[in-house]
Amino acid sequence: MDIQKRFQKAIKKNEKAMEELRNYTSNSEQVNKAITDRLIKLNENNRELKMALHVKDEFDADVVVEGI
């Protein structure tokens, strides 16, 4: 599996986990804080993965242009 597909799969997996966490409710303030912290971390991870994909796309486009 190429890196692009792996990143896209990881993004989808993170989004699914974030959706499940958003739907989870607890009476415990500590649990709710942990959920919020995890959501923030997953969101940051997705942002980094999307940025890496964007950079890879730009690099691939540059390689094609220079190869012509």
PDB file of N, CA and C in Angstrom:
ATOM      1  N   MET A   1       0.859  -1.180   0.000  1.00  0.00           N
ATOM      2  CA  MET A   1       0.000   0.000   0.000  1.00  0.00           C
ATOM      3  C   MET A   1       0.902   1.239   0.000  1.00  0.00           C
ATOM      4  N   ASP A   2       0.622   2.158  -0.888  1.00  0.00           N
ATOM      5  CA  ASP A   2       1.470   3.346  -0.947  1.00  0.00           C
ATOM      6  C   ASP A   2       1.145   4.303   0.201  1.00  0.00           C
ATOM      7  N   ILE A   3       2.037   5.235   0.408  1.00  0.00           N
ATOM      8  CA  ILE A   3       1.945   6.143   1.562  1.00  0.00           C
ATOM      9  C   ILE A   3       0.675   6.980   1.524  1.00  0.00           C
ATOM     10  N   GLN A   4       0.257   7.373   0.333  1.00  0.00           N
ATOM     11  CA  GLN A   4      -0.939   8.204   0.204  1.00  0.00           C
ATOM     12  C   GLN A   4      -2.178   7.449   0.701  1.00  0.00           C
ATOM     13  N   LYS A   5      -2.306   6.190   0.312  1.00  0.00           N
ATOM     14  CA  LYS A   5      -3.449   5.381   0.752  1.00  0.00           C
ATOM     15  C   LYS A   5      -3.392   5.135   2.255  1.00  0.00           C
ATOM     16  N   ARG A   6      -2.190   4.922   2.781  1.00  0.00           N
ATOM     17  CA  ARG A   6      -2.042   4.699   4.225  1.00  0.00           C
ATOM     18  C   ARG A   6      -2.464   5.934   5.008  1.00  0.00           C
ATOM     19  N   PHE A   7      -2.054   7.123   4.535  1.00  0.00           N
ATOM     20  CA  PHE A   7      -2.435   8.362   5.206  1.00  0.00           C
ATOM     21  C   PHE A   7      -3.940   8.573   5.139  1.00  0.00           C
ATOM     22  N   GLN A   8      -4.536   8.333   3.964  1.00  0.00           N
ATOM     23  CA  GLN A   8      -5.980   8.506   3.815  1.00  0.00           C
ATOM     24  C   GLN A   8      -6.742   7.536   4.718  1.00  0.00           C
ATOM     25  N   LYS A   9      -6.243   6.312   4.830  1.00  0.00           N
ATOM     26  CA  LYS A   9      -6.867   5.320   5.703  1.00  0.00           C
ATOM     27  C   LYS A   9      -6.759   5.760   7.168  1.00  0.00           C
ATOM     28  N   ALA A  10      -5.609   6.288   7.548  1.00  0.00           N
ATOM     29  CA  ALA A  10      -5.416   6.770   8.920  1.00  0.00           C
ATOM     30  C   ALA A  10      -6.335   7.949   9.216  1.00  0.00           C
ATOM     31  N   ILE A  11      -6.507   8.845   8.251  1.00  0.00           N
ATOM     32  CA  ILE A  11      -7.399   9.994   8.433  1.00  0.00           C
ATOM     33  C   ILE A  11      -8.827   9.515   8.667  1.00  0.00           C
ATOM     34  N   LYS A  12      -9.283   8.571   7.854  1.00  0.00           N
ATOM     35  CA  LYS A  12     -10.647   8.045   8.011  1.00  0.00           C
ATOM     36  C   LYS A  12     -10.814   7.351   9.362  1.00  0.00           C
ATOM     37  N   LYS A  13      -9.799   6.611   9.764  1.00  0.00           N
ATOM     38  CA  LYS A  13      -9.844   5.912  11.049  1.00  0.00           C
ATOM     39  C   LYS A  13      -9.919   6.918  12.203  1.00  0.00           C
ATOM     40  N   ASN A  14      -9.127   7.987  12.116  1.00  0.00           N
ATOM     41  CA  ASN A  14      -9.159   9.038  13.139  1.00  0.00           C
ATOM     42  C   ASN A  14     -10.513   9.725  13.179  1.00  0.00           C
ATOM     43  N   GLU A  15     -11.084   9.999  11.997  1.00  0.00           N
ATOM     44  CA  GLU A  15     -12.391  10.654  11.946  1.00  0.00           C
ATOM     45  C   GLU A  15     -13.470   9.776  12.573  1.00  0.00           C
ATOM     46  N   LYS A  16     -13.401   8.471  12.337  1.00  0.00           N
ATOM     47  CA  LYS A  16     -14.363   7.541  12.937  1.00  0.00           C
ATOM     48  C   LYS A  16     -14.213   7.538  14.461  1.00  0.00           C
ATOM     49  N   ALA A  17     -12.981   7.504  14.934  1.00  0.00           N
ATOM     50  CA  ALA A  17     -12.735   7.523  16.378  1.00  0.00           C
ATOM     51  C   ALA A  17     -13.234   8.826  16.994  1.00  0.00           C
ATOM     52  N   MET A  18     -13.030   9.945  16.294  1.00  0.00           N
ATOM     53  CA  MET A  18     -13.490  11.237  16.810  1.00  0.00           C
ATOM     54  C   MET A  18     -15.014  11.259  16.899  1.00  0.00           C
ATOM     55  N   GLU A  19     -15.682  10.703  15.903  1.00  0.00           N
ATOM     56  CA  GLU A  19     -17.148  10.663  15.918  1.00  0.00           C
ATOM     57  C   GLU A  19     -17.654   9.828  17.097  1.00  0.00           C
ATOM     58  N   GLU A  20     -17.019   8.685  17.331  1.00  0.00           N
ATOM     59  CA  GLU A  20     -17.410   7.832  18.454  1.00  0.00           C
ATOM     60  C   GLU A  20     -17.189   8.553  19.785  1.00  0.00           C
ATOM     61  N   LEU A  21     -16.076   9.262  19.913  1.00  0.00           N
ATOM     62  CA  LEU A  21     -15.798   9.994  21.148  1.00  0.00           C
ATOM     63  C   LEU A  21     -16.785  11.138  21.354  1.00  0.00           C
ATOM     64  N   ARG A  22     -17.164  11.815  20.270  1.00  0.00           N
ATOM     65  CA  ARG A  22     -18.129  12.912  20.391  1.00  0.00           C
ATOM     66  C   ARG A  22     -19.485  12.408  20.880  1.00  0.00           C
ATOM     67  N   ASN A  23     -19.831  11.183  20.499  1.00  0.00           N
ATOM     68  CA  ASN A  23     -21.127  10.620  20.874  1.00  0.00           C
ATOM     69  C   ASN A  23     -21.121   9.989  22.268  1.00  0.00           C
ATOM     70  N   TYR A  24     -19.952   9.851  22.865  1.00  0.00           N
ATOM     71  CA  TYR A  24     -19.848   9.236  24.187  1.00  0.00           C
ATOM     72  C   TYR A  24     -20.161  10.272  25.260  1.00  0.00           C
ATOM     73  N   THR A  25     -20.961   9.880  26.219  1.00  0.00           N
ATOM     74  CA  THR A  25     -21.266  10.780  27.334  1.00  0.00           C
ATOM     75  C   THR A  25     -20.904  10.098  28.642  1.00  0.00           C
ATOM     76  N   SER A  26     -20.464  10.911  29.572  1.00  0.00           N
ATOM     77  CA  SER A  26     -20.070  10.396  30.880  1.00  0.00           C
ATOM     78  C   SER A  26     -20.412  11.429  31.944  1.00  0.00           C
ATOM     79  N   ASN A  27     -20.672  10.938  33.134  1.00  0.00           N
ATOM     80  CA  ASN A  27     -20.919  11.827  34.267  1.00  0.00           C
ATOM     81  C   ASN A  27     -19.616  12.254  34.933  1.00  0.00           C
ATOM     82  N   SER A  28     -18.532  11.628  34.548  1.00  0.00           N
ATOM     83  CA  SER A  28     -17.236  11.903  35.157  1.00  0.00           C
ATOM     84  C   SER A  28     -16.534  13.056  34.437  1.00  0.00           C
ATOM     85  N   GLU A  29     -16.184  14.067  35.208  1.00  0.00           N
ATOM     86  CA  GLU A  29     -15.471  15.209  34.637  1.00  0.00           C
ATOM     87  C   GLU A  29     -14.097  14.782  34.123  1.00  0.00           C
ATOM     88  N   GLN A  30     -13.462  13.865  34.836  1.00  0.00           N
ATOM     89  CA  GLN A  30     -12.138  13.388  34.434  1.00  0.00           C
ATOM     90  C   GLN A  30     -12.212  12.649  33.088  1.00  0.00           C
ATOM     91  N   VAL A  31     -13.243  11.835  32.915  1.00  0.00           N
ATOM     92  CA  VAL A  31     -13.416  11.109  31.650  1.00  0.00           C
ATOM     93  C   VAL A  31     -13.698  12.091  30.519  1.00  0.00           C
ATOM     94  N   ASN A  32     -14.554  13.068  30.786  1.00  0.00           N
ATOM     95  CA  ASN A  32     -14.876  14.060  29.760  1.00  0.00           C
ATOM     96  C   ASN A  32     -13.641  14.858  29.351  1.00  0.00           C
ATOM     97  N   LYS A  33     -12.777  15.179  30.313  1.00  0.00           N
ATOM     98  CA  LYS A  33     -11.537  15.897  29.988  1.00  0.00           C
ATOM     99  C   LYS A  33     -10.625  15.019  29.142  1.00  0.00           C
ATOM    100  N   ALA A  34     -10.534  13.745  29.492  1.00  0.00           N
ATOM    101  CA  ALA A  34      -9.699  12.822  28.722  1.00  0.00           C
ATOM    102  C   ALA A  34     -10.222  12.693  27.288  1.00  0.00           C
ATOM    103  N   ILE A  35     -11.539  12.658  27.135  1.00  0.00           N
ATOM    104  CA  ILE A  35     -12.139  12.579  25.800  1.00  0.00           C
ATOM    105  C   ILE A  35     -11.801  13.833  25.005  1.00  0.00           C
ATOM    106  N   THR A  36     -11.942  14.989  25.635  1.00  0.00           N
ATOM    107  CA  THR A  36     -11.623  16.251  24.963  1.00  0.00           C
ATOM    108  C   THR A  36     -10.156  16.283  24.543  1.00  0.00           C
ATOM    109  N   ASP A  37      -9.272  15.858  25.433  1.00  0.00           N
ATOM    110  CA  ASP A  37      -7.838  15.830  25.113  1.00  0.00           C
ATOM    111  C   ASP A  37      -7.558  14.897  23.934  1.00  0.00           C
ATOM    112  N   ARG A  38      -8.213  13.745  23.935  1.00  0.00           N
ATOM    113  CA  ARG A  38      -8.021  12.774  22.844  1.00  0.00           C
ATOM    114  C   ARG A  38      -8.557  13.326  21.523  1.00  0.00           C
ATOM    115  N   LEU A  39      -9.699  14.001  21.571  1.00  0.00           N
ATOM    116  CA  LEU A  39     -10.255  14.613  20.362  1.00  0.00           C
ATOM    117  C   LEU A  39      -9.298  15.650  19.783  1.00  0.00           C
ATOM    118  N   ILE A  40      -8.712  16.443  20.657  1.00  0.00           N
ATOM    119  CA  ILE A  40      -7.749  17.455  20.215  1.00  0.00           C
ATOM    120  C   ILE A  40      -6.552  16.780  19.548  1.00  0.00           C
ATOM    121  N   LYS A  41      -6.044  15.719  20.161  1.00  0.00           N
ATOM    122  CA  LYS A  41      -4.883  15.007  19.614  1.00  0.00           C
ATOM    123  C   LYS A  41      -5.212  14.373  18.261  1.00  0.00           C
ATOM    124  N   LEU A  42      -6.382  13.744  18.145  1.00  0.00           N
ATOM    125  CA  LEU A  42      -6.778  13.141  16.871  1.00  0.00           C
ATOM    126  C   LEU A  42      -6.919  14.202  15.783  1.00  0.00           C
ATOM    127  N   ASN A  43      -7.484  15.338  16.153  1.00  0.00           N
ATOM    128  CA  ASN A  43      -7.645  16.429  15.201  1.00  0.00           C
ATOM    129  C   ASN A  43      -6.281  16.942  14.727  1.00  0.00           C
ATOM    130  N   GLU A  44      -5.339  17.081  15.652  1.00  0.00           N
ATOM    131  CA  GLU A  44      -3.984  17.511  15.291  1.00  0.00           C
ATOM    132  C   GLU A  44      -3.316  16.491  14.367  1.00  0.00           C
ATOM    133  N   ASN A  45      -3.490  15.215  14.687  1.00  0.00           N
ATOM    134  CA  ASN A  45      -2.907  14.164  13.847  1.00  0.00           C
ATOM    135  C   ASN A  45      -3.472  14.228  12.432  1.00  0.00           C
ATOM    136  N   ASN A  46      -4.793  14.414  12.324  1.00  0.00           N
ATOM    137  CA  ASN A  46      -5.407  14.503  11.004  1.00  0.00           C
ATOM    138  C   ASN A  46      -4.892  15.713  10.241  1.00  0.00           C
ATOM    139  N   ARG A  47      -4.747  16.826  10.928  1.00  0.00           N
ATOM    140  CA  ARG A  47      -4.240  18.035  10.279  1.00  0.00           C
ATOM    141  C   ARG A  47      -2.835  17.786   9.724  1.00  0.00           C
ATOM    142  N   GLU A  48      -1.990  17.110  10.504  1.00  0.00           N
ATOM    143  CA  GLU A  48      -0.632  16.808  10.054  1.00  0.00           C
ATOM    144  C   GLU A  48      -0.634  15.842   8.874  1.00  0.00           C
ATOM    145  N   LEU A  49      -1.502  14.831   8.926  1.00  0.00           N
ATOM    146  CA  LEU A  49      -1.586  13.882   7.820  1.00  0.00           C
ATOM    147  C   LEU A  49      -2.056  14.570   6.540  1.00  0.00           C
ATOM    148  N   LYS A  50      -3.056  15.426   6.668  1.00  0.00           N
ATOM    149  CA  LYS A  50      -3.571  16.143   5.498  1.00  0.00           C
ATOM    150  C   LYS A  50      -2.510  17.079   4.931  1.00  0.00           C
ATOM    151  N   MET A  51      -1.739  17.712   5.808  1.00  0.00           N
ATOM    152  CA  MET A  51      -0.673  18.601   5.358  1.00  0.00           C
ATOM    153  C   MET A  51       0.403  17.794   4.618  1.00  0.00           C
ATOM    154  N   ALA A  52       0.740  16.630   5.153  1.00  0.00           N
ATOM    155  CA  ALA A  52       1.737  15.780   4.504  1.00  0.00           C
ATOM    156  C   ALA A  52       1.250  15.330   3.129  1.00  0.00           C
ATOM    157  N   LEU A  53      -0.029  14.991   3.020  1.00  0.00           N
ATOM    158  CA  LEU A  53      -0.583  14.610   1.721  1.00  0.00           C
ATOM    159  C   LEU A  53      -0.514  15.769   0.737  1.00  0.00           C
ATOM    160  N   HIS A  54      -0.819  16.961   1.217  1.00  0.00           N
ATOM    161  CA  HIS A  54      -0.778  18.147   0.364  1.00  0.00           C
ATOM    162  C   HIS A  54       0.646  18.403  -0.131  1.00  0.00           C
ATOM    163  N   VAL A  55       1.609  18.295   0.767  1.00  0.00           N
ATOM    164  CA  VAL A  55       3.012  18.503   0.394  1.00  0.00           C
ATOM    165  C   VAL A  55       3.444  17.445  -0.616  1.00  0.00           C
ATOM    166  N   LYS A  56       3.026  16.198  -0.382  1.00  0.00           N
ATOM    167  CA  LYS A  56       3.373  15.125  -1.316  1.00  0.00           C
ATOM    168  C   LYS A  56       2.780  15.404  -2.689  1.00  0.00           C
ATOM    169  N   ASP A  57       1.523  15.846  -2.740  1.00  0.00           N
ATOM    170  CA  ASP A  57       0.888  16.176  -4.023  1.00  0.00           C
ATOM    171  C   ASP A  57       1.646  17.284  -4.743  1.00  0.00           C
ATOM    172  N   GLU A  58       2.056  18.310  -3.999  1.00  0.00           N
ATOM    173  CA  GLU A  58       2.825  19.405  -4.606  1.00  0.00           C
ATOM    174  C   GLU A  58       4.173  18.906  -5.120  1.00  0.00           C
ATOM    175  N   PHE A  59       4.817  18.052  -4.333  1.00  0.00           N
ATOM    176  CA  PHE A  59       6.107  17.494  -4.750  1.00  0.00           C
ATOM    177  C   PHE A  59       5.942  16.670  -6.020  1.00  0.00           C
ATOM    178  N   ASP A  60       4.907  15.811  -6.043  1.00  0.00           N
ATOM    179  CA  ASP A  60       4.655  14.989  -7.225  1.00  0.00           C
ATOM    180  C   ASP A  60       4.386  15.858  -8.447  1.00  0.00           C
ATOM    181  N   ALA A  61       3.651  16.948  -8.273  1.00  0.00           N
ATOM    182  CA  ALA A  61       3.362  17.861  -9.384  1.00  0.00           C
ATOM    183  C   ALA A  61       4.648  18.520  -9.876  1.00  0.00           C
ATOM    184  N   ASP A  62       5.524  18.906  -8.952  1.00  0.00           N
ATOM    185  CA  ASP A  62       6.805  19.514  -9.336  1.00  0.00           C
ATOM    186  C   ASP A  62       7.674  18.528 -10.106  1.00  0.00           C
ATOM    187  N   VAL A  63       7.671  17.281  -9.683  1.00  0.00           N
ATOM    188  CA  VAL A  63       8.475  16.257 -10.352  1.00  0.00           C
ATOM    189  C   VAL A  63       7.974  16.058 -11.778  1.00  0.00           C
ATOM    190  N   VAL A  64       6.671  16.032 -11.962  1.00  0.00           N
ATOM    191  CA  VAL A  64       6.097  15.858 -13.296  1.00  0.00           C
ATOM    192  C   VAL A  64       6.469  17.035 -14.185  1.00  0.00           C
ATOM    193  N   VAL A  65       6.351  18.251 -13.664  1.00  0.00           N
ATOM    194  CA  VAL A  65       6.668  19.447 -14.447  1.00  0.00           C
ATOM    195  C   VAL A  65       8.143  19.462 -14.831  1.00  0.00           C
ATOM    196  N   GLU A  66       9.019  19.149 -13.883  1.00  0.00           N
ATOM    197  CA  GLU A  66      10.450  19.165 -14.168  1.00  0.00           C
ATOM    198  C   GLU A  66      10.845  18.029 -15.104  1.00  0.00           C
ATOM    199  N   GLY A  67      10.090  16.958 -15.078  1.00  0.00           N
ATOM    200  CA  GLY A  67      10.400  15.816 -15.933  1.00  0.00           C
ATOM    201  C   GLY A  67      10.047  16.054 -17.390  1.00  0.00           C
ATOM    202  N   ILE A  68       9.217  17.037 -17.651  1.00  0.00           N
ATOM    203  CA  ILE A  68       8.769  17.302 -19.033  1.00  0.00           C
ATOM    204  C   ILE A  68       9.795  18.056 -19.812  1.00  0.00           C
TER     205      ILE A  68
END
